[in-house]
Amino acid sequence: MPENTPALIRDSDLAWEPYPARQGSFAIKRHVSRAGQGSELAMGVCELQAGQSTVWWSFIEGDAAPDVAMHFGGRAYEAYYVLSGRFTFFWQDSNDAGDKVEAGPGDVFYFAPGWRYRVENSGGTTAQFLWTMAPAAM
């Protein structure tokens, strides 16, 4: 597909990819990406099994926290729309102060620059969320 042109991306044409997690690997589909479409917006779906958690992602410039597995600097924005299941969203600032909130289908969680976060499937079933990120990391 040519870069940076309108495109129909069919979910059924995409394979689930394993992604690093603390308890095994969760699965991800990348529907829109810099690599695929030349886009500054990224979008896809993540699926976590019951009890699975993502790694800590950081949107803090120069973050040196030891638990952070992926760094996106201080200018990326991300939002998750819960499709199915239950999630706990955890977030921290650069001083490790933070909070958490529970979310279910139809809820949206917004991740702002200047924070680190992780997501845990807190329900008893497989759960999915739609994610968007700008600018795209890949």
N, C-alpha and C. Protein backbone atom coordinates (compact mmCIF):
# COMPACT_ATOMS: atom_id res chain seq x y z
N MET A 1 0.85 -1.17 0.00
CA MET A 1 0.00 0.00 0.00
C MET A 1 0.89 1.24 0.00
N PRO A 2 0.64 2.20 -0.85
CA PRO A 2 1.44 3.43 -0.87
C PRO A 2 1.32 4.18 0.45
N GLU A 3 2.39 4.83 0.85
CA GLU A 3 2.38 5.59 2.10
C GLU A 3 1.52 6.84 2.01
N ASN A 4 0.90 7.15 3.13
CA ASN A 4 0.18 8.40 3.32
C ASN A 4 -0.92 8.64 2.29
N THR A 5 -1.68 7.58 1.98
CA THR A 5 -2.86 7.69 1.13
C THR A 5 -4.04 7.08 1.88
N PRO A 6 -5.26 7.46 1.53
CA PRO A 6 -6.41 6.82 2.18
C PRO A 6 -6.35 5.31 2.00
N ALA A 7 -6.81 4.58 3.02
CA ALA A 7 -6.71 3.12 2.96
C ALA A 7 -7.80 2.48 3.80
N LEU A 8 -8.28 1.35 3.34
CA LEU A 8 -9.16 0.50 4.14
C LEU A 8 -8.30 -0.61 4.70
N ILE A 9 -8.25 -0.73 6.01
CA ILE A 9 -7.48 -1.78 6.66
C ILE A 9 -8.48 -2.72 7.30
N ARG A 10 -8.50 -3.95 6.83
CA ARG A 10 -9.45 -4.94 7.36
C ARG A 10 -8.82 -5.69 8.53
N ASP A 11 -9.53 -5.70 9.64
CA ASP A 11 -9.05 -6.39 10.82
C ASP A 11 -8.72 -7.85 10.50
N SER A 12 -9.53 -8.49 9.68
CA SER A 12 -9.32 -9.90 9.35
C SER A 12 -8.03 -10.14 8.55
N ASP A 13 -7.45 -9.10 7.99
CA ASP A 13 -6.19 -9.23 7.25
C ASP A 13 -4.96 -9.11 8.15
N LEU A 14 -5.16 -8.76 9.41
CA LEU A 14 -4.05 -8.55 10.33
C LEU A 14 -3.89 -9.71 11.29
N ALA A 15 -2.66 -10.08 11.56
CA ALA A 15 -2.38 -11.14 12.53
C ALA A 15 -2.12 -10.53 13.90
N TRP A 16 -2.47 -11.28 14.94
CA TRP A 16 -2.13 -10.87 16.30
C TRP A 16 -0.62 -11.05 16.47
N GLU A 17 0.04 -10.06 17.06
CA GLU A 17 1.47 -10.13 17.34
C GLU A 17 1.67 -10.19 18.85
N PRO A 18 2.62 -11.01 19.34
CA PRO A 18 2.91 -10.98 20.78
C PRO A 18 3.62 -9.67 21.14
N TYR A 19 3.40 -9.20 22.34
CA TYR A 19 3.99 -7.96 22.81
C TYR A 19 4.51 -8.19 24.23
N PRO A 20 5.62 -7.60 24.63
CA PRO A 20 6.16 -7.86 25.98
C PRO A 20 5.15 -7.53 27.08
N ALA A 21 5.08 -8.38 28.07
CA ALA A 21 4.22 -8.15 29.23
C ALA A 21 4.88 -8.75 30.46
N ARG A 22 4.42 -8.39 31.63
CA ARG A 22 5.00 -8.93 32.85
C ARG A 22 4.62 -10.38 33.05
N GLN A 23 3.45 -10.77 32.65
CA GLN A 23 2.98 -12.15 32.84
C GLN A 23 2.67 -12.75 31.48
N GLY A 24 3.70 -13.18 30.77
CA GLY A 24 3.50 -13.72 29.44
C GLY A 24 3.46 -12.59 28.44
N SER A 25 2.86 -12.81 27.32
CA SER A 25 2.74 -11.79 26.29
C SER A 25 1.28 -11.52 25.99
N PHE A 26 0.95 -10.25 25.87
CA PHE A 26 -0.39 -9.94 25.40
C PHE A 26 -0.30 -9.78 23.89
N ALA A 27 -1.42 -9.67 23.24
CA ALA A 27 -1.45 -9.63 21.78
C ALA A 27 -1.85 -8.24 21.30
N ILE A 28 -1.31 -7.85 20.14
CA ILE A 28 -1.57 -6.54 19.58
C ILE A 28 -1.78 -6.66 18.07
N LYS A 29 -2.67 -5.83 17.54
CA LYS A 29 -2.81 -5.65 16.10
C LYS A 29 -2.55 -4.17 15.82
N ARG A 30 -1.72 -3.90 14.83
CA ARG A 30 -1.40 -2.53 14.43
C ARG A 30 -2.16 -2.21 13.14
N HIS A 31 -3.27 -1.53 13.27
CA HIS A 31 -4.09 -1.19 12.11
C HIS A 31 -3.53 -0.03 11.31
N VAL A 32 -3.10 1.02 12.00
CA VAL A 32 -2.52 2.19 11.36
C VAL A 32 -1.18 2.46 12.04
N SER A 33 -0.13 2.69 11.23
CA SER A 33 1.19 2.91 11.81
C SER A 33 2.07 3.72 10.87
N ARG A 34 3.16 4.19 11.41
CA ARG A 34 4.14 4.89 10.58
C ARG A 34 4.72 3.93 9.56
N ALA A 35 5.03 2.70 9.98
CA ALA A 35 5.62 1.71 9.07
C ALA A 35 4.63 1.28 7.99
N GLY A 36 3.37 1.12 8.34
CA GLY A 36 2.38 0.62 7.38
C GLY A 36 1.83 1.66 6.44
N GLN A 37 1.50 2.84 6.96
CA GLN A 37 0.85 3.86 6.14
C GLN A 37 1.63 5.18 6.06
N GLY A 38 2.75 5.27 6.76
CA GLY A 38 3.47 6.53 6.81
C GLY A 38 2.76 7.56 7.65
N SER A 39 1.96 7.11 8.62
CA SER A 39 1.09 7.97 9.40
C SER A 39 1.75 8.44 10.69
N GLU A 40 1.43 9.66 11.10
CA GLU A 40 1.84 10.17 12.41
C GLU A 40 0.85 9.75 13.50
N LEU A 41 -0.26 9.15 13.10
CA LEU A 41 -1.23 8.58 14.02
C LEU A 41 -1.07 7.07 13.97
N ALA A 42 -1.07 6.43 15.13
CA ALA A 42 -1.06 4.97 15.20
C ALA A 42 -2.36 4.52 15.85
N MET A 43 -2.86 3.35 15.44
CA MET A 43 -4.10 2.82 16.00
C MET A 43 -4.08 1.31 15.89
N GLY A 44 -4.66 0.65 16.86
CA GLY A 44 -4.76 -0.81 16.82
C GLY A 44 -5.59 -1.33 17.97
N VAL A 45 -5.52 -2.64 18.17
CA VAL A 45 -6.27 -3.31 19.23
C VAL A 45 -5.29 -4.13 20.05
N CYS A 46 -5.45 -4.12 21.37
CA CYS A 46 -4.69 -4.98 22.28
C CYS A 46 -5.64 -5.95 22.94
N GLU A 47 -5.14 -7.15 23.17
CA GLU A 47 -5.92 -8.18 23.85
C GLU A 47 -5.08 -8.77 24.97
N LEU A 48 -5.62 -8.75 26.18
CA LEU A 48 -4.95 -9.31 27.34
C LEU A 48 -5.82 -10.41 27.93
N GLN A 49 -5.18 -11.50 28.30
CA GLN A 49 -5.88 -12.58 28.99
C GLN A 49 -6.11 -12.17 30.44
N ALA A 50 -6.99 -12.85 31.14
CA ALA A 50 -7.29 -12.54 32.54
C ALA A 50 -6.00 -12.52 33.35
N GLY A 51 -5.79 -11.45 34.10
CA GLY A 51 -4.62 -11.31 34.95
C GLY A 51 -3.36 -10.79 34.27
N GLN A 52 -3.35 -10.70 32.96
CA GLN A 52 -2.16 -10.18 32.26
C GLN A 52 -2.01 -8.68 32.45
N SER A 53 -0.77 -8.22 32.38
CA SER A 53 -0.47 -6.81 32.51
C SER A 53 0.54 -6.41 31.46
N THR A 54 0.44 -5.17 31.00
CA THR A 54 1.45 -4.64 30.10
C THR A 54 2.68 -4.27 30.91
N VAL A 55 3.74 -3.92 30.22
CA VAL A 55 4.91 -3.34 30.84
C VAL A 55 4.59 -1.88 31.19
N TRP A 56 5.49 -1.23 31.93
CA TRP A 56 5.36 0.21 32.16
C TRP A 56 5.86 0.93 30.91
N TRP A 57 5.06 1.86 30.39
CA TRP A 57 5.44 2.73 29.29
C TRP A 57 5.66 4.11 29.87
N SER A 58 6.66 4.83 29.37
CA SER A 58 6.92 6.17 29.89
C SER A 58 6.79 7.23 28.81
N PHE A 59 6.07 8.29 29.16
CA PHE A 59 5.94 9.48 28.33
C PHE A 59 6.58 10.66 29.06
N ILE A 60 7.63 10.34 29.85
CA ILE A 60 8.38 11.34 30.61
C ILE A 60 9.75 11.48 29.95
N GLU A 61 10.08 12.68 29.54
CA GLU A 61 11.37 12.94 28.91
C GLU A 61 12.51 12.55 29.85
N GLY A 62 13.44 11.70 29.40
CA GLY A 62 14.61 11.29 30.18
C GLY A 62 14.30 10.39 31.37
N ASP A 63 13.16 9.74 31.38
CA ASP A 63 12.76 8.88 32.50
C ASP A 63 13.76 7.74 32.69
N ALA A 64 14.26 7.58 33.91
CA ALA A 64 15.23 6.52 34.21
C ALA A 64 14.67 5.50 35.20
N ALA A 65 13.35 5.47 35.37
CA ALA A 65 12.75 4.51 36.31
C ALA A 65 13.10 3.08 35.89
N PRO A 66 13.53 2.24 36.83
CA PRO A 66 14.00 0.89 36.47
C PRO A 66 12.91 -0.03 35.93
N ASP A 67 11.66 0.19 36.27
CA ASP A 67 10.58 -0.70 35.82
C ASP A 67 10.06 -0.36 34.43
N VAL A 68 10.50 0.76 33.85
CA VAL A 68 9.99 1.18 32.55
C VAL A 68 10.65 0.36 31.44
N ALA A 69 9.82 -0.26 30.61
CA ALA A 69 10.33 -1.09 29.52
C ALA A 69 10.38 -0.34 28.20
N MET A 70 9.52 0.67 28.03
CA MET A 70 9.48 1.40 26.77
C MET A 70 9.35 2.89 27.04
N HIS A 71 10.16 3.68 26.31
CA HIS A 71 10.18 5.14 26.47
C HIS A 71 9.69 5.81 25.19
N PHE A 72 8.79 6.77 25.34
CA PHE A 72 8.25 7.50 24.20
C PHE A 72 8.55 9.00 24.29
N GLY A 73 9.39 9.39 25.23
CA GLY A 73 9.73 10.81 25.39
C GLY A 73 8.56 11.59 25.98
N GLY A 74 8.63 12.89 25.92
CA GLY A 74 7.63 13.72 26.58
C GLY A 74 6.63 14.37 25.66
N ARG A 75 6.45 13.85 24.43
CA ARG A 75 5.53 14.53 23.53
C ARG A 75 4.51 13.62 22.86
N ALA A 76 4.36 12.41 23.33
CA ALA A 76 3.38 11.49 22.74
C ALA A 76 2.09 11.50 23.55
N TYR A 77 0.98 11.30 22.85
CA TYR A 77 -0.35 11.23 23.45
C TYR A 77 -0.95 9.88 23.09
N GLU A 78 -1.72 9.32 24.01
CA GLU A 78 -2.34 8.03 23.73
C GLU A 78 -3.70 7.96 24.41
N ALA A 79 -4.63 7.23 23.79
CA ALA A 79 -5.95 7.02 24.38
C ALA A 79 -6.38 5.59 24.11
N TYR A 80 -7.07 4.99 25.10
CA TYR A 80 -7.57 3.62 24.99
C TYR A 80 -9.09 3.63 25.16
N TYR A 81 -9.77 2.93 24.28
CA TYR A 81 -11.23 2.75 24.36
C TYR A 81 -11.46 1.28 24.67
N VAL A 82 -12.07 0.99 25.80
CA VAL A 82 -12.29 -0.39 26.22
C VAL A 82 -13.42 -1.00 25.39
N LEU A 83 -13.08 -2.08 24.68
CA LEU A 83 -14.04 -2.79 23.85
C LEU A 83 -14.76 -3.88 24.63
N SER A 84 -14.00 -4.64 25.44
CA SER A 84 -14.59 -5.74 26.21
C SER A 84 -13.74 -6.02 27.44
N GLY A 85 -14.37 -6.56 28.48
CA GLY A 85 -13.65 -6.93 29.69
C GLY A 85 -13.47 -5.75 30.64
N ARG A 86 -12.60 -5.97 31.63
CA ARG A 86 -12.33 -4.96 32.66
C ARG A 86 -10.82 -4.73 32.73
N PHE A 87 -10.43 -3.48 32.89
CA PHE A 87 -9.03 -3.11 33.00
C PHE A 87 -8.82 -2.22 34.21
N THR A 88 -7.61 -2.31 34.78
CA THR A 88 -7.14 -1.32 35.74
C THR A 88 -6.03 -0.55 35.05
N PHE A 89 -6.16 0.78 35.02
CA PHE A 89 -5.15 1.66 34.44
C PHE A 89 -4.36 2.27 35.59
N PHE A 90 -3.04 2.10 35.56
CA PHE A 90 -2.14 2.63 36.58
C PHE A 90 -1.30 3.74 35.94
N TRP A 91 -1.04 4.83 36.68
CA TRP A 91 -0.17 5.87 36.17
C TRP A 91 0.64 6.48 37.29
N GLN A 92 1.83 7.00 36.91
CA GLN A 92 2.76 7.63 37.85
C GLN A 92 3.42 8.83 37.20
N ASP A 93 3.78 9.81 38.05
CA ASP A 93 4.58 10.92 37.55
C ASP A 93 6.06 10.60 37.77
N SER A 94 6.94 11.53 37.51
CA SER A 94 8.38 11.28 37.62
C SER A 94 8.85 11.07 39.06
N ASN A 95 8.00 11.37 40.04
CA ASN A 95 8.32 11.15 41.45
C ASN A 95 7.67 9.87 41.98
N ASP A 96 7.14 9.04 41.09
CA ASP A 96 6.47 7.78 41.41
C ASP A 96 5.14 7.96 42.12
N ALA A 97 4.61 9.19 42.18
CA ALA A 97 3.27 9.42 42.72
C ALA A 97 2.27 9.10 41.62
N GLY A 98 1.21 8.42 41.97
CA GLY A 98 0.25 8.06 40.94
C GLY A 98 -1.07 7.62 41.49
N ASP A 99 -1.79 6.92 40.65
CA ASP A 99 -3.13 6.48 41.01
C ASP A 99 -3.50 5.34 40.08
N LYS A 100 -4.71 4.85 40.25
CA LYS A 100 -5.25 3.82 39.36
C LYS A 100 -6.75 3.99 39.29
N VAL A 101 -7.34 3.44 38.22
CA VAL A 101 -8.78 3.51 38.03
C VAL A 101 -9.22 2.26 37.27
N GLU A 102 -10.42 1.79 37.57
CA GLU A 102 -11.01 0.64 36.88
C GLU A 102 -11.85 1.14 35.71
N ALA A 103 -11.85 0.37 34.61
CA ALA A 103 -12.62 0.76 33.44
C ALA A 103 -13.22 -0.46 32.78
N GLY A 104 -14.35 -0.25 32.11
CA GLY A 104 -15.03 -1.32 31.41
C GLY A 104 -15.47 -0.86 30.03
N PRO A 105 -16.23 -1.70 29.33
CA PRO A 105 -16.64 -1.40 27.95
C PRO A 105 -17.24 -0.01 27.80
N GLY A 106 -16.77 0.71 26.78
CA GLY A 106 -17.25 2.05 26.51
C GLY A 106 -16.46 3.15 27.20
N ASP A 107 -15.62 2.80 28.18
CA ASP A 107 -14.81 3.80 28.87
C ASP A 107 -13.56 4.12 28.04
N VAL A 108 -13.08 5.35 28.18
CA VAL A 108 -11.87 5.80 27.51
C VAL A 108 -10.90 6.29 28.56
N PHE A 109 -9.64 5.89 28.42
CA PHE A 109 -8.60 6.42 29.29
C PHE A 109 -7.59 7.16 28.44
N TYR A 110 -7.26 8.39 28.84
CA TYR A 110 -6.34 9.26 28.11
C TYR A 110 -5.01 9.31 28.86
N PHE A 111 -3.91 9.05 28.15
CA PHE A 111 -2.57 9.11 28.72
C PHE A 111 -1.89 10.37 28.20
N ALA A 112 -1.49 11.25 29.10
CA ALA A 112 -0.88 12.52 28.73
C ALA A 112 0.65 12.45 28.81
N PRO A 113 1.34 13.30 28.07
CA PRO A 113 2.79 13.40 28.23
C PRO A 113 3.14 13.77 29.67
N GLY A 114 4.31 13.31 30.12
CA GLY A 114 4.75 13.61 31.48
C GLY A 114 4.39 12.54 32.49
N TRP A 115 3.88 11.40 32.03
CA TRP A 115 3.47 10.32 32.92
C TRP A 115 3.98 8.98 32.40
N ARG A 116 4.05 8.00 33.30
CA ARG A 116 4.28 6.61 32.89
C ARG A 116 3.03 5.83 33.28
N TYR A 117 2.78 4.72 32.59
CA TYR A 117 1.56 3.97 32.87
C TYR A 117 1.70 2.51 32.47
N ARG A 118 0.79 1.71 32.99
CA ARG A 118 0.63 0.31 32.59
C ARG A 118 -0.85 -0.04 32.72
N VAL A 119 -1.24 -1.16 32.09
CA VAL A 119 -2.63 -1.59 32.06
C VAL A 119 -2.68 -3.05 32.48
N GLU A 120 -3.66 -3.39 33.30
CA GLU A 120 -3.83 -4.77 33.75
C GLU A 120 -5.25 -5.23 33.46
N ASN A 121 -5.38 -6.46 32.96
CA ASN A 121 -6.70 -7.05 32.80
C ASN A 121 -7.15 -7.48 34.19
N SER A 122 -8.11 -6.77 34.75
CA SER A 122 -8.57 -7.03 36.11
C SER A 122 -9.86 -7.84 36.15
N GLY A 123 -10.33 -8.28 34.99
CA GLY A 123 -11.54 -9.11 34.94
C GLY A 123 -11.16 -10.58 34.84
N GLY A 124 -12.13 -11.41 34.80
CA GLY A 124 -11.90 -12.84 34.75
C GLY A 124 -11.93 -13.43 33.35
N THR A 125 -11.99 -12.56 32.33
CA THR A 125 -12.08 -13.04 30.95
C THR A 125 -11.09 -12.28 30.07
N THR A 126 -10.92 -12.74 28.86
CA THR A 126 -10.11 -12.02 27.88
C THR A 126 -10.72 -10.63 27.67
N ALA A 127 -9.87 -9.62 27.55
CA ALA A 127 -10.35 -8.24 27.41
C ALA A 127 -9.59 -7.55 26.29
N GLN A 128 -10.25 -6.61 25.62
CA GLN A 128 -9.65 -5.88 24.50
C GLN A 128 -9.88 -4.38 24.64
N PHE A 129 -8.90 -3.61 24.16
CA PHE A 129 -9.08 -2.18 24.03
C PHE A 129 -8.50 -1.71 22.70
N LEU A 130 -9.14 -0.68 22.16
CA LEU A 130 -8.66 0.01 20.96
C LEU A 130 -7.70 1.09 21.44
N TRP A 131 -6.53 1.21 20.82
CA TRP A 131 -5.57 2.24 21.22
C TRP A 131 -5.26 3.16 20.05
N THR A 132 -4.99 4.41 20.40
CA THR A 132 -4.53 5.39 19.42
C THR A 132 -3.33 6.11 20.04
N MET A 133 -2.39 6.51 19.18
CA MET A 133 -1.19 7.19 19.66
C MET A 133 -0.74 8.21 18.62
N ALA A 134 -0.35 9.39 19.08
CA ALA A 134 0.19 10.39 18.18
C ALA A 134 1.29 11.16 18.93
N PRO A 135 2.44 11.37 18.33
CA PRO A 135 2.81 10.81 17.04
C PRO A 135 3.07 9.31 17.15
N ALA A 136 2.95 8.63 16.03
CA ALA A 136 3.15 7.19 15.99
C ALA A 136 4.58 6.83 16.39
N ALA A 137 4.73 5.77 17.18
CA ALA A 137 6.06 5.32 17.59
C ALA A 137 6.72 4.47 16.51
N MET A 138 5.90 3.73 15.77
CA MET A 138 6.45 2.85 14.72
C MET A 138 5.62 2.97 13.46
